[in-house]
Amino acid sequence: MPDGLDLVIRNMHSPRDLFSAWYGLLAASAPQENDYSPAGTPLTIRKFPTTSISVLVSNTGAANVAIGFSAGVALANGILLLQGQALSLSWLEDGDLLMYQMWAISTAGGGTIHVVENVLSGG
């Protein structure tokens, strides 16, 4: 006879099943993707900060980008993403930080970032 953990693991078929077993409730989520073109002025880069359970920000452009949690973000005080780099936040590891709006600023024109927010969708 398998122990309880083995039985739970064998019945997991998706992250939603795992979430349901772990927390005792069912929660569905859906990806929301958006592209932004930051320049020399900070630009908000999230549409769902209060309902996201994770966010991925990828610098897909030709210029360096800095990310921050205030409209005062600058290259000198933000989280620097060089070309091709990414930043990932998850509710389990980053807690309430995930619920704040984010801003981006770029070193020059040509800045492009791709943002994927995994948003709670209710069922």
N, C-alpha and C. Protein backbone atom coordinates (compact mmCIF):
# COMPACT_ATOMS: atom_id res chain seq x y z
N MET A 1 0.84 -1.18 0.00
CA MET A 1 0.00 0.00 0.00
C MET A 1 0.89 1.24 0.00
N PRO A 2 0.68 2.17 -0.94
CA PRO A 2 1.51 3.38 -0.99
C PRO A 2 1.21 4.31 0.18
N ASP A 3 2.24 5.07 0.56
CA ASP A 3 1.98 6.05 1.61
C ASP A 3 1.19 7.23 1.02
N GLY A 4 0.72 8.13 1.86
CA GLY A 4 -0.14 9.23 1.43
C GLY A 4 0.51 10.14 0.40
N LEU A 5 1.83 10.44 0.56
CA LEU A 5 2.52 11.32 -0.38
C LEU A 5 2.58 10.70 -1.76
N ASP A 6 2.87 9.40 -1.83
CA ASP A 6 2.94 8.71 -3.11
C ASP A 6 1.58 8.77 -3.81
N LEU A 7 0.52 8.59 -3.08
CA LEU A 7 -0.82 8.63 -3.64
C LEU A 7 -1.13 10.03 -4.18
N VAL A 8 -0.75 11.07 -3.45
CA VAL A 8 -0.98 12.44 -3.90
C VAL A 8 -0.19 12.72 -5.17
N ILE A 9 1.08 12.35 -5.20
CA ILE A 9 1.93 12.61 -6.37
C ILE A 9 1.40 11.89 -7.61
N ARG A 10 0.95 10.66 -7.46
CA ARG A 10 0.44 9.91 -8.61
C ARG A 10 -0.83 10.53 -9.18
N ASN A 11 -1.59 11.25 -8.38
CA ASN A 11 -2.83 11.86 -8.85
C ASN A 11 -2.64 13.29 -9.35
N MET A 12 -1.42 13.78 -9.42
CA MET A 12 -1.14 15.12 -9.92
C MET A 12 -0.95 15.05 -11.44
N HIS A 13 -1.74 15.83 -12.16
CA HIS A 13 -1.64 15.85 -13.61
C HIS A 13 -1.36 17.25 -14.15
N SER A 14 -1.35 18.24 -13.27
CA SER A 14 -1.12 19.61 -13.71
C SER A 14 -0.69 20.45 -12.51
N PRO A 15 -0.12 21.63 -12.77
CA PRO A 15 0.18 22.54 -11.67
C PRO A 15 -1.08 22.91 -10.88
N ARG A 16 -2.23 22.95 -11.54
CA ARG A 16 -3.48 23.27 -10.86
C ARG A 16 -3.82 22.17 -9.85
N ASP A 17 -3.60 20.90 -10.21
CA ASP A 17 -3.83 19.80 -9.26
C ASP A 17 -2.90 19.93 -8.05
N LEU A 18 -1.66 20.27 -8.31
CA LEU A 18 -0.69 20.43 -7.24
C LEU A 18 -1.10 21.57 -6.31
N PHE A 19 -1.47 22.70 -6.88
CA PHE A 19 -1.91 23.85 -6.11
C PHE A 19 -3.11 23.48 -5.25
N SER A 20 -4.06 22.77 -5.85
CA SER A 20 -5.28 22.37 -5.14
C SER A 20 -4.94 21.45 -3.97
N ALA A 21 -4.06 20.48 -4.19
CA ALA A 21 -3.69 19.54 -3.13
C ALA A 21 -2.91 20.26 -2.02
N TRP A 22 -2.05 21.17 -2.40
CA TRP A 22 -1.18 21.85 -1.43
C TRP A 22 -1.98 22.80 -0.55
N TYR A 23 -2.88 23.59 -1.16
CA TYR A 23 -3.59 24.63 -0.43
C TYR A 23 -5.04 24.30 -0.12
N GLY A 24 -5.56 23.22 -0.69
CA GLY A 24 -6.92 22.83 -0.40
C GLY A 24 -7.97 23.64 -1.13
N LEU A 25 -7.57 24.33 -2.19
CA LEU A 25 -8.54 25.06 -3.00
C LEU A 25 -8.08 25.06 -4.45
N LEU A 26 -9.02 25.26 -5.33
CA LEU A 26 -8.73 25.25 -6.75
C LEU A 26 -8.56 26.67 -7.25
N ALA A 27 -7.47 26.93 -7.94
CA ALA A 27 -7.23 28.26 -8.50
C ALA A 27 -6.69 28.09 -9.92
N ALA A 28 -7.30 28.76 -10.85
CA ALA A 28 -6.86 28.72 -12.24
C ALA A 28 -6.15 30.03 -12.58
N SER A 29 -5.24 29.94 -13.54
CA SER A 29 -4.54 31.14 -13.98
C SER A 29 -4.39 31.10 -15.50
N ALA A 30 -4.11 32.26 -16.07
CA ALA A 30 -3.94 32.37 -17.51
C ALA A 30 -2.85 33.39 -17.82
N PRO A 31 -2.02 33.12 -18.83
CA PRO A 31 -0.97 34.08 -19.18
C PRO A 31 -1.53 35.29 -19.91
N GLN A 32 -1.00 36.45 -19.58
CA GLN A 32 -1.31 37.70 -20.27
C GLN A 32 0.01 38.29 -20.74
N GLU A 33 0.18 38.43 -22.04
CA GLU A 33 1.45 38.88 -22.61
C GLU A 33 1.30 40.27 -23.22
N ASN A 34 2.31 41.11 -22.98
CA ASN A 34 2.32 42.46 -23.54
C ASN A 34 3.75 42.87 -23.84
N ASP A 35 3.90 43.68 -24.87
CA ASP A 35 5.20 44.26 -25.24
C ASP A 35 5.18 45.75 -24.95
N TYR A 36 6.33 46.26 -24.49
CA TYR A 36 6.46 47.67 -24.16
C TYR A 36 7.75 48.19 -24.77
N SER A 37 7.77 49.50 -25.03
CA SER A 37 8.96 50.14 -25.61
C SER A 37 9.42 51.28 -24.72
N PRO A 38 10.13 50.97 -23.64
CA PRO A 38 10.60 52.05 -22.76
C PRO A 38 11.67 52.89 -23.45
N ALA A 39 11.72 54.15 -23.08
CA ALA A 39 12.74 55.06 -23.59
C ALA A 39 13.36 55.79 -22.39
N GLY A 40 13.61 57.07 -22.52
CA GLY A 40 14.28 57.83 -21.46
C GLY A 40 13.38 58.26 -20.33
N THR A 41 12.07 58.01 -20.43
CA THR A 41 11.11 58.34 -19.37
C THR A 41 10.50 57.05 -18.84
N PRO A 42 10.40 56.87 -17.51
CA PRO A 42 9.82 55.64 -16.97
C PRO A 42 8.42 55.35 -17.51
N LEU A 43 8.16 54.10 -17.77
CA LEU A 43 6.92 53.63 -18.37
C LEU A 43 6.38 52.46 -17.53
N THR A 44 5.08 52.48 -17.18
CA THR A 44 4.52 51.34 -16.45
C THR A 44 4.46 50.13 -17.38
N ILE A 45 4.74 48.94 -16.81
CA ILE A 45 4.85 47.76 -17.66
C ILE A 45 3.99 46.59 -17.21
N ARG A 46 3.06 46.80 -16.30
CA ARG A 46 2.18 45.71 -15.87
C ARG A 46 0.74 46.13 -15.95
N LYS A 47 -0.13 45.20 -16.36
CA LYS A 47 -1.55 45.48 -16.44
C LYS A 47 -2.34 44.80 -15.32
N PHE A 48 -1.75 43.77 -14.67
CA PHE A 48 -2.48 42.98 -13.68
C PHE A 48 -1.69 42.78 -12.38
N PRO A 49 -1.14 43.83 -11.79
CA PRO A 49 -0.29 43.61 -10.61
C PRO A 49 -1.02 43.02 -9.40
N THR A 50 -2.31 43.26 -9.25
CA THR A 50 -2.98 42.77 -8.04
C THR A 50 -3.51 41.35 -8.17
N THR A 51 -3.54 40.79 -9.38
CA THR A 51 -4.05 39.44 -9.56
C THR A 51 -3.03 38.49 -10.18
N SER A 52 -1.80 38.95 -10.36
CA SER A 52 -0.76 38.08 -10.93
C SER A 52 -0.16 37.19 -9.86
N ILE A 53 0.14 35.95 -10.24
CA ILE A 53 0.84 35.05 -9.33
C ILE A 53 2.30 34.88 -9.75
N SER A 54 2.63 35.36 -10.95
CA SER A 54 4.02 35.43 -11.37
C SER A 54 4.13 36.42 -12.52
N VAL A 55 5.34 36.92 -12.72
CA VAL A 55 5.61 37.83 -13.83
C VAL A 55 7.01 37.55 -14.35
N LEU A 56 7.14 37.60 -15.67
CA LEU A 56 8.43 37.44 -16.34
C LEU A 56 8.62 38.65 -17.22
N VAL A 57 9.75 39.35 -17.05
CA VAL A 57 10.08 40.51 -17.86
C VAL A 57 11.35 40.18 -18.62
N SER A 58 11.28 40.22 -19.94
CA SER A 58 12.42 39.87 -20.78
C SER A 58 12.83 41.06 -21.64
N ASN A 59 14.11 41.38 -21.65
CA ASN A 59 14.62 42.46 -22.49
C ASN A 59 14.86 41.90 -23.88
N THR A 60 13.94 42.16 -24.79
CA THR A 60 14.02 41.63 -26.15
C THR A 60 14.54 42.67 -27.14
N GLY A 61 14.89 43.85 -26.66
CA GLY A 61 15.29 44.94 -27.54
C GLY A 61 16.78 45.06 -27.71
N ALA A 62 17.17 46.17 -28.35
CA ALA A 62 18.58 46.43 -28.68
C ALA A 62 19.28 47.30 -27.64
N ALA A 63 18.55 47.74 -26.62
CA ALA A 63 19.13 48.63 -25.60
C ALA A 63 18.97 48.02 -24.21
N ASN A 64 19.82 48.43 -23.29
CA ASN A 64 19.68 48.00 -21.90
C ASN A 64 18.45 48.66 -21.28
N VAL A 65 17.85 47.97 -20.31
CA VAL A 65 16.64 48.44 -19.65
C VAL A 65 16.81 48.29 -18.15
N ALA A 66 16.27 49.23 -17.38
CA ALA A 66 16.24 49.11 -15.92
C ALA A 66 14.78 49.01 -15.49
N ILE A 67 14.52 48.13 -14.53
CA ILE A 67 13.19 47.88 -13.99
C ILE A 67 13.18 48.33 -12.53
N GLY A 68 12.07 48.94 -12.12
CA GLY A 68 11.94 49.35 -10.73
C GLY A 68 10.50 49.34 -10.27
N PHE A 69 10.30 49.61 -8.99
CA PHE A 69 8.97 49.59 -8.39
C PHE A 69 8.47 50.99 -8.06
N SER A 70 9.06 52.00 -8.68
CA SER A 70 8.56 53.36 -8.52
C SER A 70 8.78 54.11 -9.84
N ALA A 71 8.03 55.18 -10.01
CA ALA A 71 8.15 55.99 -11.22
C ALA A 71 9.48 56.71 -11.29
N GLY A 72 10.24 56.69 -10.21
CA GLY A 72 11.55 57.32 -10.18
C GLY A 72 12.68 56.40 -10.60
N VAL A 73 12.37 55.26 -11.20
CA VAL A 73 13.42 54.33 -11.61
C VAL A 73 14.35 55.00 -12.63
N ALA A 74 15.63 54.69 -12.48
CA ALA A 74 16.65 55.18 -13.41
C ALA A 74 17.65 54.05 -13.63
N LEU A 75 18.48 54.20 -14.62
CA LEU A 75 19.46 53.15 -14.88
C LEU A 75 20.39 52.96 -13.69
N ALA A 76 20.62 54.02 -12.93
CA ALA A 76 21.53 53.95 -11.79
C ALA A 76 20.91 53.30 -10.55
N ASN A 77 19.56 53.23 -10.47
CA ASN A 77 18.95 52.69 -9.25
C ASN A 77 17.95 51.56 -9.52
N GLY A 78 17.84 51.12 -10.76
CA GLY A 78 16.89 50.06 -11.09
C GLY A 78 17.57 48.70 -11.21
N ILE A 79 16.77 47.70 -11.50
CA ILE A 79 17.28 46.35 -11.76
C ILE A 79 17.67 46.32 -13.23
N LEU A 80 18.94 46.25 -13.51
CA LEU A 80 19.45 46.35 -14.87
C LEU A 80 19.26 45.04 -15.62
N LEU A 81 18.60 45.13 -16.77
CA LEU A 81 18.46 43.99 -17.67
C LEU A 81 19.19 44.32 -18.96
N LEU A 82 20.29 43.62 -19.19
CA LEU A 82 21.02 43.80 -20.43
C LEU A 82 20.26 43.11 -21.55
N GLN A 83 20.66 43.33 -22.77
CA GLN A 83 20.00 42.68 -23.90
C GLN A 83 19.94 41.18 -23.67
N GLY A 84 18.75 40.60 -23.84
CA GLY A 84 18.57 39.16 -23.70
C GLY A 84 18.37 38.66 -22.29
N GLN A 85 18.48 39.51 -21.28
CA GLN A 85 18.29 39.07 -19.90
C GLN A 85 16.83 39.17 -19.50
N ALA A 86 16.48 38.46 -18.41
CA ALA A 86 15.10 38.43 -17.94
C ALA A 86 15.06 38.50 -16.42
N LEU A 87 13.92 38.91 -15.91
CA LEU A 87 13.63 38.99 -14.48
C LEU A 87 12.34 38.23 -14.24
N SER A 88 12.33 37.39 -13.22
CA SER A 88 11.15 36.59 -12.91
C SER A 88 10.78 36.78 -11.45
N LEU A 89 9.49 36.99 -11.18
CA LEU A 89 8.98 37.09 -9.82
C LEU A 89 7.83 36.11 -9.66
N SER A 90 7.75 35.49 -8.48
CA SER A 90 6.70 34.51 -8.19
C SER A 90 6.12 34.81 -6.80
N TRP A 91 4.81 34.64 -6.66
CA TRP A 91 4.16 34.93 -5.38
C TRP A 91 4.74 34.10 -4.24
N LEU A 92 5.14 32.87 -4.51
CA LEU A 92 5.64 32.00 -3.46
C LEU A 92 6.99 32.47 -2.91
N GLU A 93 7.84 33.01 -3.79
CA GLU A 93 9.17 33.45 -3.36
C GLU A 93 9.24 34.93 -3.06
N ASP A 94 8.45 35.74 -3.76
CA ASP A 94 8.59 37.19 -3.66
C ASP A 94 7.45 37.88 -2.94
N GLY A 95 6.41 37.14 -2.58
CA GLY A 95 5.32 37.68 -1.76
C GLY A 95 4.67 38.92 -2.34
N ASP A 96 4.45 39.91 -1.47
CA ASP A 96 3.73 41.12 -1.85
C ASP A 96 4.46 41.96 -2.90
N LEU A 97 5.74 41.76 -3.07
CA LEU A 97 6.48 42.49 -4.09
C LEU A 97 5.83 42.34 -5.46
N LEU A 98 5.24 41.18 -5.68
CA LEU A 98 4.58 40.90 -6.95
C LEU A 98 3.35 41.78 -7.18
N MET A 99 2.78 42.33 -6.12
CA MET A 99 1.54 43.12 -6.24
C MET A 99 1.78 44.58 -6.58
N TYR A 100 3.04 45.01 -6.64
CA TYR A 100 3.34 46.40 -6.94
C TYR A 100 3.49 46.63 -8.44
N GLN A 101 3.12 47.82 -8.87
CA GLN A 101 3.34 48.21 -10.25
C GLN A 101 4.83 48.25 -10.52
N MET A 102 5.22 48.02 -11.75
CA MET A 102 6.63 48.08 -12.15
C MET A 102 6.78 49.10 -13.27
N TRP A 103 7.93 49.76 -13.29
CA TRP A 103 8.27 50.73 -14.32
C TRP A 103 9.55 50.29 -15.01
N ALA A 104 9.70 50.71 -16.25
CA ALA A 104 10.92 50.43 -17.01
C ALA A 104 11.42 51.71 -17.65
N ILE A 105 12.72 51.78 -17.79
CA ILE A 105 13.37 52.90 -18.48
C ILE A 105 14.50 52.30 -19.31
N SER A 106 14.80 52.91 -20.42
CA SER A 106 15.82 52.38 -21.32
C SER A 106 16.95 53.38 -21.50
N THR A 107 18.10 52.87 -21.93
CA THR A 107 19.25 53.74 -22.16
C THR A 107 19.03 54.62 -23.38
N ALA A 108 18.24 54.17 -24.31
CA ALA A 108 18.02 54.91 -25.56
C ALA A 108 16.81 54.35 -26.26
N GLY A 109 16.48 54.92 -27.41
CA GLY A 109 15.43 54.35 -28.22
C GLY A 109 15.81 52.93 -28.61
N GLY A 110 14.86 52.14 -28.97
CA GLY A 110 15.16 50.76 -29.33
C GLY A 110 14.97 49.80 -28.18
N GLY A 111 14.57 50.31 -27.02
CA GLY A 111 14.29 49.43 -25.89
C GLY A 111 12.97 48.72 -26.10
N THR A 112 12.98 47.42 -25.92
CA THR A 112 11.76 46.63 -26.02
C THR A 112 11.78 45.56 -24.95
N ILE A 113 10.68 45.41 -24.24
CA ILE A 113 10.58 44.32 -23.27
C ILE A 113 9.28 43.56 -23.50
N HIS A 114 9.34 42.28 -23.20
CA HIS A 114 8.18 41.41 -23.30
C HIS A 114 7.82 41.01 -21.87
N VAL A 115 6.57 41.21 -21.49
CA VAL A 115 6.11 40.93 -20.13
C VAL A 115 5.03 39.86 -20.18
N VAL A 116 5.23 38.80 -19.40
CA VAL A 116 4.24 37.74 -19.26
C VAL A 116 3.79 37.71 -17.80
N GLU A 117 2.50 37.98 -17.58
CA GLU A 117 1.94 37.91 -16.24
C GLU A 117 1.02 36.69 -16.19
N ASN A 118 1.24 35.84 -15.20
CA ASN A 118 0.35 34.70 -14.98
C ASN A 118 -0.72 35.18 -14.01
N VAL A 119 -1.94 35.35 -14.51
CA VAL A 119 -3.01 36.03 -13.79
C VAL A 119 -4.06 35.03 -13.32
N LEU A 120 -4.47 35.16 -12.06
CA LEU A 120 -5.57 34.34 -11.55
C LEU A 120 -6.81 34.59 -12.41
N SER A 121 -7.44 33.51 -12.85
CA SER A 121 -8.58 33.68 -13.76
C SER A 121 -9.90 33.19 -13.17
N GLY A 122 -9.89 32.72 -11.96
CA GLY A 122 -11.13 32.41 -11.26
C GLY A 122 -11.70 31.02 -11.42
N GLY A 123 -11.14 30.17 -12.22
CA GLY A 123 -11.71 28.84 -12.27
C GLY A 123 -11.35 28.13 -13.47
